[in-house]
Amino acid sequence: MKTALLALGLAGMIGCLESCNPFAPDQSVQLGASKLDAPQTITSGSSLNVVVTVQLGGCLSFDRIVTERTTTNATLTVLGTDAAKGRKNVSCATYIFYEPHTVRLDPPFSNPFTITANNGRLPPLTATVQVQ
């Protein structure tokens, strides 16, 4: 019984050290947005829901969307991780899939309101919303 508990404790400590390793490579990456959907018009004072479709697959996984905004525009940056970044001999699946994520933007908005989704190495995606 003591041996089993000791083995379990050691396994837990090793797992914690691997996940908390300060010397592990930073695997953060900016992911590509494949699509940006926003309504063409909204009424003044209402919230705005924007859908950003993120391309994933292989060793990429979604983490979060960072929003920087003013009353005239919003810039969305999709962040994630790449499990192969900084590691050797990591094999990743070859499939690609698309995952939609909704971002809610609250007023105030000026007319027109521009939304930009950073797209990794590609040109950004842009949508313009008329505020009435």
C-alpha atoms as a PDB file:
ATOM      1  CA  MET A   1       0.000   0.000   0.000  1.00  0.00           C
ATOM      2  CA  LYS A   2       2.814   2.403   0.893  1.00  0.00           C
ATOM      3  CA  THR A   3       4.608   1.562  -2.346  1.00  0.00           C
ATOM      4  CA  ALA A   4       1.480   2.318  -4.393  1.00  0.00           C
ATOM      5  CA  LEU A   5       0.979   5.666  -2.637  1.00  0.00           C
ATOM      6  CA  LEU A   6       4.642   6.555  -3.103  1.00  0.00           C
ATOM      7  CA  ALA A   7       4.464   5.707  -6.823  1.00  0.00           C
ATOM      8  CA  LEU A   8       1.271   7.746  -7.199  1.00  0.00           C
ATOM      9  CA  GLY A   9       2.836  10.706  -5.370  1.00  0.00           C
ATOM     10  CA  LEU A  10       5.978  10.590  -7.529  1.00  0.00           C
ATOM     11  CA  ALA A  11       3.898  10.411 -10.708  1.00  0.00           C
ATOM     12  CA  GLY A  12       1.907  13.445  -9.581  1.00  0.00           C
ATOM     13  CA  MET A  13       5.066  15.421  -8.804  1.00  0.00           C
ATOM     14  CA  ILE A  14       6.618  14.587 -12.183  1.00  0.00           C
ATOM     15  CA  GLY A  15       3.409  15.611 -13.954  1.00  0.00           C
ATOM     16  CA  CYS A  16       3.342  18.904 -12.077  1.00  0.00           C
ATOM     17  CA  LEU A  17       6.986  19.604 -12.873  1.00  0.00           C
ATOM     18  CA  GLU A  18       6.389  18.991 -16.579  1.00  0.00           C
ATOM     19  CA  SER A  19       3.364  21.286 -16.709  1.00  0.00           C
ATOM     20  CA  CYS A  20       5.051  24.009 -14.600  1.00  0.00           C
ATOM     21  CA  ASN A  21       8.485  23.803 -16.188  1.00  0.00           C
ATOM     22  CA  PRO A  22       9.873  27.345 -16.578  1.00  0.00           C
ATOM     23  CA  PHE A  23      12.389  26.047 -19.126  1.00  0.00           C
ATOM     24  CA  ALA A  24       9.739  24.579 -21.440  1.00  0.00           C
ATOM     25  CA  PRO A  25       9.361  26.365 -24.800  1.00  0.00           C
ATOM     26  CA  ASP A  26       6.653  29.016 -25.141  1.00  0.00           C
ATOM     27  CA  GLN A  27       4.107  27.450 -27.457  1.00  0.00           C
ATOM     28  CA  SER A  28       1.877  30.504 -27.813  1.00  0.00           C
ATOM     29  CA  VAL A  29       0.957  31.446 -31.381  1.00  0.00           C
ATOM     30  CA  GLN A  30      -1.368  33.799 -33.181  1.00  0.00           C
ATOM     31  CA  LEU A  31      -3.956  31.717 -35.002  1.00  0.00           C
ATOM     32  CA  GLY A  32      -5.513  32.486 -38.352  1.00  0.00           C
ATOM     33  CA  ALA A  33      -9.098  33.681 -38.630  1.00  0.00           C
ATOM     34  CA  SER A  34     -10.692  32.187 -41.733  1.00  0.00           C
ATOM     35  CA  LYS A  35     -13.979  34.093 -41.518  1.00  0.00           C
ATOM     36  CA  LEU A  36     -15.411  37.177 -39.790  1.00  0.00           C
ATOM     37  CA  ASP A  37     -19.185  37.543 -39.518  1.00  0.00           C
ATOM     38  CA  ALA A  38     -20.841  40.729 -38.255  1.00  0.00           C
ATOM     39  CA  PRO A  39     -24.269  42.238 -38.880  1.00  0.00           C
ATOM     40  CA  GLN A  40     -24.432  44.995 -41.498  1.00  0.00           C
ATOM     41  CA  THR A  41     -26.420  47.303 -39.203  1.00  0.00           C
ATOM     42  CA  ILE A  42     -27.211  47.614 -35.506  1.00  0.00           C
ATOM     43  CA  THR A  43     -29.287  50.077 -33.532  1.00  0.00           C
ATOM     44  CA  SER A  44     -27.540  52.626 -31.365  1.00  0.00           C
ATOM     45  CA  GLY A  45     -27.150  51.390 -27.784  1.00  0.00           C
ATOM     46  CA  SER A  46     -27.369  47.682 -28.593  1.00  0.00           C
ATOM     47  CA  SER A  47     -24.589  45.125 -28.245  1.00  0.00           C
ATOM     48  CA  LEU A  48     -22.818  43.678 -31.225  1.00  0.00           C
ATOM     49  CA  ASN A  49     -22.084  39.953 -31.602  1.00  0.00           C
ATOM     50  CA  VAL A  50     -19.242  39.077 -33.962  1.00  0.00           C
ATOM     51  CA  VAL A  51     -18.368  35.507 -34.978  1.00  0.00           C
ATOM     52  CA  VAL A  52     -14.715  34.756 -35.705  1.00  0.00           C
ATOM     53  CA  THR A  53     -14.107  31.372 -37.332  1.00  0.00           C
ATOM     54  CA  VAL A  54     -10.692  29.999 -36.413  1.00  0.00           C
ATOM     55  CA  GLN A  55      -8.735  27.484 -38.489  1.00  0.00           C
ATOM     56  CA  LEU A  56      -7.324  24.699 -36.313  1.00  0.00           C
ATOM     57  CA  GLY A  57      -5.796  21.294 -36.812  1.00  0.00           C
ATOM     58  CA  GLY A  58      -2.513  19.528 -36.502  1.00  0.00           C
ATOM     59  CA  CYS A  59      -0.919  20.631 -33.241  1.00  0.00           C
ATOM     60  CA  LEU A  60      -2.856  23.930 -33.007  1.00  0.00           C
ATOM     61  CA  SER A  61      -5.424  24.574 -30.281  1.00  0.00           C
ATOM     62  CA  PHE A  62      -7.548  27.626 -29.450  1.00  0.00           C
ATOM     63  CA  ASP A  63      -6.880  29.606 -26.273  1.00  0.00           C
ATOM     64  CA  ARG A  64      -8.621  33.001 -26.387  1.00  0.00           C
ATOM     65  CA  ILE A  65      -9.500  36.102 -28.397  1.00  0.00           C
ATOM     66  CA  VAL A  66      -7.938  39.380 -27.300  1.00  0.00           C
ATOM     67  CA  THR A  67     -10.034  42.460 -28.077  1.00  0.00           C
ATOM     68  CA  GLU A  68      -8.661  45.984 -28.372  1.00  0.00           C
ATOM     69  CA  ARG A  69     -11.278  48.629 -29.085  1.00  0.00           C
ATOM     70  CA  THR A  70     -12.283  52.235 -29.265  1.00  0.00           C
ATOM     71  CA  THR A  71     -15.650  53.789 -30.121  1.00  0.00           C
ATOM     72  CA  THR A  72     -14.776  53.640 -33.840  1.00  0.00           C
ATOM     73  CA  ASN A  73     -13.223  50.182 -34.187  1.00  0.00           C
ATOM     74  CA  ALA A  74     -12.295  46.859 -32.609  1.00  0.00           C
ATOM     75  CA  THR A  75      -9.304  44.661 -33.354  1.00  0.00           C
ATOM     76  CA  LEU A  76      -9.595  40.942 -32.561  1.00  0.00           C
ATOM     77  CA  THR A  77      -6.512  38.765 -32.214  1.00  0.00           C
ATOM     78  CA  VAL A  78      -6.940  34.993 -31.922  1.00  0.00           C
ATOM     79  CA  LEU A  79      -4.359  33.296 -29.708  1.00  0.00           C
ATOM     80  CA  GLY A  80      -3.663  29.629 -29.222  1.00  0.00           C
ATOM     81  CA  THR A  81      -0.922  27.094 -28.752  1.00  0.00           C
ATOM     82  CA  ASP A  82       1.166  24.938 -31.083  1.00  0.00           C
ATOM     83  CA  ALA A  83       2.173  21.698 -29.372  1.00  0.00           C
ATOM     84  CA  ALA A  84       5.047  21.219 -31.849  1.00  0.00           C
ATOM     85  CA  LYS A  85       6.594  24.657 -31.345  1.00  0.00           C
ATOM     86  CA  GLY A  86      10.028  24.331 -29.742  1.00  0.00           C
ATOM     87  CA  ARG A  87       9.870  20.532 -29.547  1.00  0.00           C
ATOM     88  CA  LYS A  88      11.549  17.890 -31.642  1.00  0.00           C
ATOM     89  CA  ASN A  89       9.999  14.679 -32.901  1.00  0.00           C
ATOM     90  CA  VAL A  90       6.381  15.742 -32.326  1.00  0.00           C
ATOM     91  CA  SER A  91       3.935  14.360 -34.853  1.00  0.00           C
ATOM     92  CA  CYS A  92       0.701  16.208 -35.481  1.00  0.00           C
ATOM     93  CA  ALA A  93      -2.498  15.175 -37.200  1.00  0.00           C
ATOM     94  CA  THR A  94      -2.939  16.440 -40.751  1.00  0.00           C
ATOM     95  CA  TYR A  95      -6.648  17.279 -40.561  1.00  0.00           C
ATOM     96  CA  ILE A  96      -7.896  20.864 -40.531  1.00  0.00           C
ATOM     97  CA  PHE A  97     -11.157  22.017 -38.976  1.00  0.00           C
ATOM     98  CA  TYR A  98     -12.881  25.318 -38.348  1.00  0.00           C
ATOM     99  CA  GLU A  99     -14.202  26.484 -34.998  1.00  0.00           C
ATOM    100  CA  PRO A 100     -16.522  29.519 -34.618  1.00  0.00           C
ATOM    101  CA  HIS A 101     -16.146  31.790 -31.565  1.00  0.00           C
ATOM    102  CA  THR A 102     -18.521  34.624 -30.675  1.00  0.00           C
ATOM    103  CA  VAL A 103     -17.234  37.924 -29.311  1.00  0.00           C
ATOM    104  CA  ARG A 104     -19.716  40.346 -27.753  1.00  0.00           C
ATOM    105  CA  LEU A 105     -18.930  44.030 -28.069  1.00  0.00           C
ATOM    106  CA  ASP A 106     -20.887  46.485 -25.916  1.00  0.00           C
ATOM    107  CA  PRO A 107     -21.692  50.119 -26.790  1.00  0.00           C
ATOM    108  CA  PRO A 108     -20.798  52.887 -27.322  1.00  0.00           C
ATOM    109  CA  PHE A 109     -20.225  52.680 -31.075  1.00  0.00           C
ATOM    110  CA  SER A 110     -19.710  55.456 -33.580  1.00  0.00           C
ATOM    111  CA  ASN A 111     -21.022  55.206 -37.108  1.00  0.00           C
ATOM    112  CA  PRO A 112     -19.526  53.381 -38.976  1.00  0.00           C
ATOM    113  CA  PHE A 113     -17.903  50.840 -36.658  1.00  0.00           C
ATOM    114  CA  THR A 114     -15.051  48.762 -38.103  1.00  0.00           C
ATOM    115  CA  ILE A 115     -14.028  45.309 -36.880  1.00  0.00           C
ATOM    116  CA  THR A 116     -10.677  43.811 -37.826  1.00  0.00           C
ATOM    117  CA  ALA A 117      -9.603  40.223 -37.162  1.00  0.00           C
ATOM    118  CA  ASN A 118      -5.848  39.712 -37.280  1.00  0.00           C
ATOM    119  CA  ASN A 119      -5.123  36.770 -39.492  1.00  0.00           C
ATOM    120  CA  GLY A 120      -1.686  35.474 -38.580  1.00  0.00           C
ATOM    121  CA  ARG A 121       0.623  36.078 -41.529  1.00  0.00           C
ATOM    122  CA  LEU A 122      -2.208  36.846 -43.966  1.00  0.00           C
ATOM    123  CA  PRO A 123      -3.926  40.210 -44.450  1.00  0.00           C
ATOM    124  CA  PRO A 124      -6.519  40.917 -41.727  1.00  0.00           C
ATOM    125  CA  LEU A 125     -10.234  40.319 -42.209  1.00  0.00           C
ATOM    126  CA  THR A 126     -12.446  43.399 -41.926  1.00  0.00           C
ATOM    127  CA  ALA A 127     -16.159  44.098 -41.441  1.00  0.00           C
ATOM    128  CA  THR A 128     -17.957  47.438 -41.250  1.00  0.00           C
ATOM    129  CA  VAL A 129     -21.162  47.842 -39.244  1.00  0.00           C
ATOM    130  CA  GLN A 130     -23.540  50.780 -39.725  1.00  0.00           C
ATOM    131  CA  VAL A 131     -24.862  52.119 -36.386  1.00  0.00           C
ATOM    132  CA  GLN A 132     -28.355  53.644 -36.679  1.00  0.00           C
END
